[in-house]
C-alpha atoms as a PDB file:
ATOM      1  CA  MET A   1      54.300  78.771 112.502  1.00  0.00           C
ATOM      2  CA  ILE A   2      55.855  77.920 109.156  1.00  0.00           C
ATOM      3  CA  PRO A   3      57.663  74.584 109.170  1.00  0.00           C
ATOM      4  CA  GLU A   4      61.368  74.796 108.374  1.00  0.00           C
ATOM      5  CA  GLN A   5      62.466  73.395 105.058  1.00  0.00           C
ATOM      6  CA  PRO A   6      65.513  71.158 105.305  1.00  0.00           C
ATOM      7  CA  THR A   7      68.606  72.530 103.628  1.00  0.00           C
ATOM      8  CA  PRO A   8      69.346  70.613 100.437  1.00  0.00           C
ATOM      9  CA  VAL A   9      72.520  68.538 100.641  1.00  0.00           C
ATOM     10  CA  LEU A  10      74.757  67.644  97.710  1.00  0.00           C
ATOM     11  CA  ASP A  11      75.302  63.962  97.069  1.00  0.00           C
ATOM     12  CA  ASP A  12      78.754  62.437  96.574  1.00  0.00           C
ATOM     13  CA  ALA A  13      78.518  62.617  92.776  1.00  0.00           C
ATOM     14  CA  ALA A  14      77.767  66.358  92.865  1.00  0.00           C
ATOM     15  CA  ILE A  15      80.665  66.987  95.251  1.00  0.00           C
ATOM     16  CA  ARG A  16      83.012  64.982  93.021  1.00  0.00           C
ATOM     17  CA  ALA A  17      81.832  66.996  89.996  1.00  0.00           C
ATOM     18  CA  LEU A  18      82.515  70.258  91.837  1.00  0.00           C
ATOM     19  CA  LEU A  19      86.006  69.129  92.810  1.00  0.00           C
ATOM     20  CA  GLU A  20      86.729  67.981  89.252  1.00  0.00           C
ATOM     21  CA  ALA A  21      85.632  71.385  87.968  1.00  0.00           C
ATOM     22  CA  CYS A  22      88.179  72.950  90.346  1.00  0.00           C
ATOM     23  CA  ALA A  23      91.048  70.653  89.350  1.00  0.00           C
ATOM     24  CA  GLY A  24      94.277  72.335  88.335  1.00  0.00           C
ATOM     25  CA  LYS A  25      97.482  73.911  89.596  1.00  0.00           C
ATOM     26  CA  GLU A  26      96.715  77.570  88.894  1.00  0.00           C
ATOM     27  CA  PHE A  27      95.739  79.993  91.661  1.00  0.00           C
ATOM     28  CA  ARG A  28      91.972  79.973  90.991  1.00  0.00           C
ATOM     29  CA  SER A  29      91.796  76.190  90.966  1.00  0.00           C
ATOM     30  CA  LEU A  30      93.697  75.911  94.250  1.00  0.00           C
ATOM     31  CA  ARG A  31      91.490  78.589  95.826  1.00  0.00           C
ATOM     32  CA  ASP A  32      88.247  77.032  94.589  1.00  0.00           C
ATOM     33  CA  THR A  33      89.251  73.546  95.727  1.00  0.00           C
ATOM     34  CA  ALA A  34      90.016  74.868  99.221  1.00  0.00           C
ATOM     35  CA  ILE A  35      86.647  76.650  99.311  1.00  0.00           C
ATOM     36  CA  VAL A  36      84.640  73.613  98.217  1.00  0.00           C
ATOM     37  CA  ARG A  37      86.437  71.322 100.648  1.00  0.00           C
ATOM     38  CA  LEU A  38      85.888  73.734 103.550  1.00  0.00           C
ATOM     39  CA  PHE A  39      82.179  73.993 102.734  1.00  0.00           C
ATOM     40  CA  VAL A  40      81.837  70.218 102.636  1.00  0.00           C
ATOM     41  CA  ASP A  41      83.881  69.460 105.763  1.00  0.00           C
ATOM     42  CA  THR A  42      82.827  72.272 108.090  1.00  0.00           C
ATOM     43  CA  GLY A  43      79.267  73.036 107.034  1.00  0.00           C
ATOM     44  CA  MET A  44      79.984  76.752 107.334  1.00  0.00           C
ATOM     45  CA  CYS A  45      77.765  79.130 105.409  1.00  0.00           C
ATOM     46  CA  LEU A  46      78.878  81.519 102.677  1.00  0.00           C
ATOM     47  CA  ASP A  47      79.008  84.546 104.973  1.00  0.00           C
ATOM     48  CA  GLU A  48      81.214  82.669 107.455  1.00  0.00           C
ATOM     49  CA  LEU A  49      83.579  81.498 104.736  1.00  0.00           C
ATOM     50  CA  ALA A  50      83.740  84.950 103.123  1.00  0.00           C
ATOM     51  CA  LYS A  51      84.809  86.494 106.437  1.00  0.00           C
ATOM     52  CA  LEU A  52      87.385  83.786 107.187  1.00  0.00           C
ATOM     53  CA  ARG A  53      90.917  85.093 107.687  1.00  0.00           C
ATOM     54  CA  VAL A  54      94.191  83.192 107.554  1.00  0.00           C
ATOM     55  CA  ASP A  55      94.575  83.649 111.319  1.00  0.00           C
ATOM     56  CA  ASP A  56      91.222  81.881 111.824  1.00  0.00           C
ATOM     57  CA  VAL A  57      92.578  78.654 110.321  1.00  0.00           C
ATOM     58  CA  ASP A  58      94.733  76.264 112.340  1.00  0.00           C
ATOM     59  CA  LEU A  59      96.705  73.938 110.059  1.00  0.00           C
ATOM     60  CA  ASP A  60      99.499  73.311 112.559  1.00  0.00           C
ATOM     61  CA  TYR A  61      97.656  71.742 115.456  1.00  0.00           C
ATOM     62  CA  ASP A  62      94.121  70.505 114.931  1.00  0.00           C
ATOM     63  CA  ASN A  63      92.844  71.400 111.420  1.00  0.00           C
ATOM     64  CA  THR A  64      90.075  73.757 112.480  1.00  0.00           C
ATOM     65  CA  ALA A  65      88.581  77.015 111.271  1.00  0.00           C
ATOM     66  CA  THR A  66      87.051  79.406 113.791  1.00  0.00           C
ATOM     67  CA  VAL A  67      84.163  81.469 112.446  1.00  0.00           C
ATOM     68  CA  LEU A  68      81.576  83.804 113.930  1.00  0.00           C
ATOM     69  CA  GLY A  69      78.183  82.174 113.686  1.00  0.00           C
ATOM     70  CA  LYS A  70      74.731  83.478 114.502  1.00  0.00           C
ATOM     71  CA  GLY A  71      74.716  86.025 117.272  1.00  0.00           C
ATOM     72  CA  ARG A  72      78.429  86.636 116.634  1.00  0.00           C
ATOM     73  CA  ARG A  73      79.251  83.528 118.645  1.00  0.00           C
ATOM     74  CA  PRO A  74      82.500  81.805 117.707  1.00  0.00           C
ATOM     75  CA  ARG A  75      82.127  78.341 116.240  1.00  0.00           C
ATOM     76  CA  ILE A  76      84.924  75.912 115.489  1.00  0.00           C
ATOM     77  CA  GLY A  77      84.678  73.870 112.309  1.00  0.00           C
ATOM     78  CA  PRO A  78      87.011  70.893 112.088  1.00  0.00           C
ATOM     79  CA  PHE A  79      88.134  69.750 108.650  1.00  0.00           C
ATOM     80  CA  GLY A  80      89.885  66.694 107.291  1.00  0.00           C
ATOM     81  CA  ALA A  81      93.316  66.008 105.859  1.00  0.00           C
ATOM     82  CA  LYS A  82      92.307  66.634 102.228  1.00  0.00           C
ATOM     83  CA  SER A  83      90.895  70.043 103.133  1.00  0.00           C
ATOM     84  CA  ALA A  84      94.051  70.825 105.107  1.00  0.00           C
ATOM     85  CA  GLN A  85      96.162  69.862 102.108  1.00  0.00           C
ATOM     86  CA  ALA A  86      94.009  71.993  99.775  1.00  0.00           C
ATOM     87  CA  LEU A  87      94.257  74.974 102.133  1.00  0.00           C
ATOM     88  CA  ASP A  88      98.014  74.554 102.483  1.00  0.00           C
ATOM     89  CA  ARG A  89      98.480  74.456  98.699  1.00  0.00           C
ATOM     90  CA  TYR A  90      96.298  77.532  98.248  1.00  0.00           C
ATOM     91  CA  LEU A  91      98.045  79.509 101.011  1.00  0.00           C
ATOM     92  CA  ARG A  92     101.500  78.653  99.661  1.00  0.00           C
ATOM     93  CA  GLN A  93     100.493  79.795  96.153  1.00  0.00           C
ATOM     94  CA  ARG A  94      98.887  82.930  97.588  1.00  0.00           C
ATOM     95  CA  ALA A  95     102.129  83.836  99.388  1.00  0.00           C
ATOM     96  CA  CYS A  96     104.067  83.917  96.104  1.00  0.00           C
END
């Protein structure tokens, strides 16, 4: 059996650099900030995030995103206030 390699994790400085690279008020910046914050807070993988729909995100009640994980099992990923704010800003801009 091949031992599993731990998934590399970004340190705080790398996360800050990513968020600074996304800074701005234009659509792409708002979208990218929401994406980075969701990755950091929920731990979801790229495939899960790519398949995320607006209906899968609950900003009104408990700040969670429901995704289909391995085996097509639903998994709930909670996220914090800054991610909720980033998602809200992105969704409002997207609606325009």
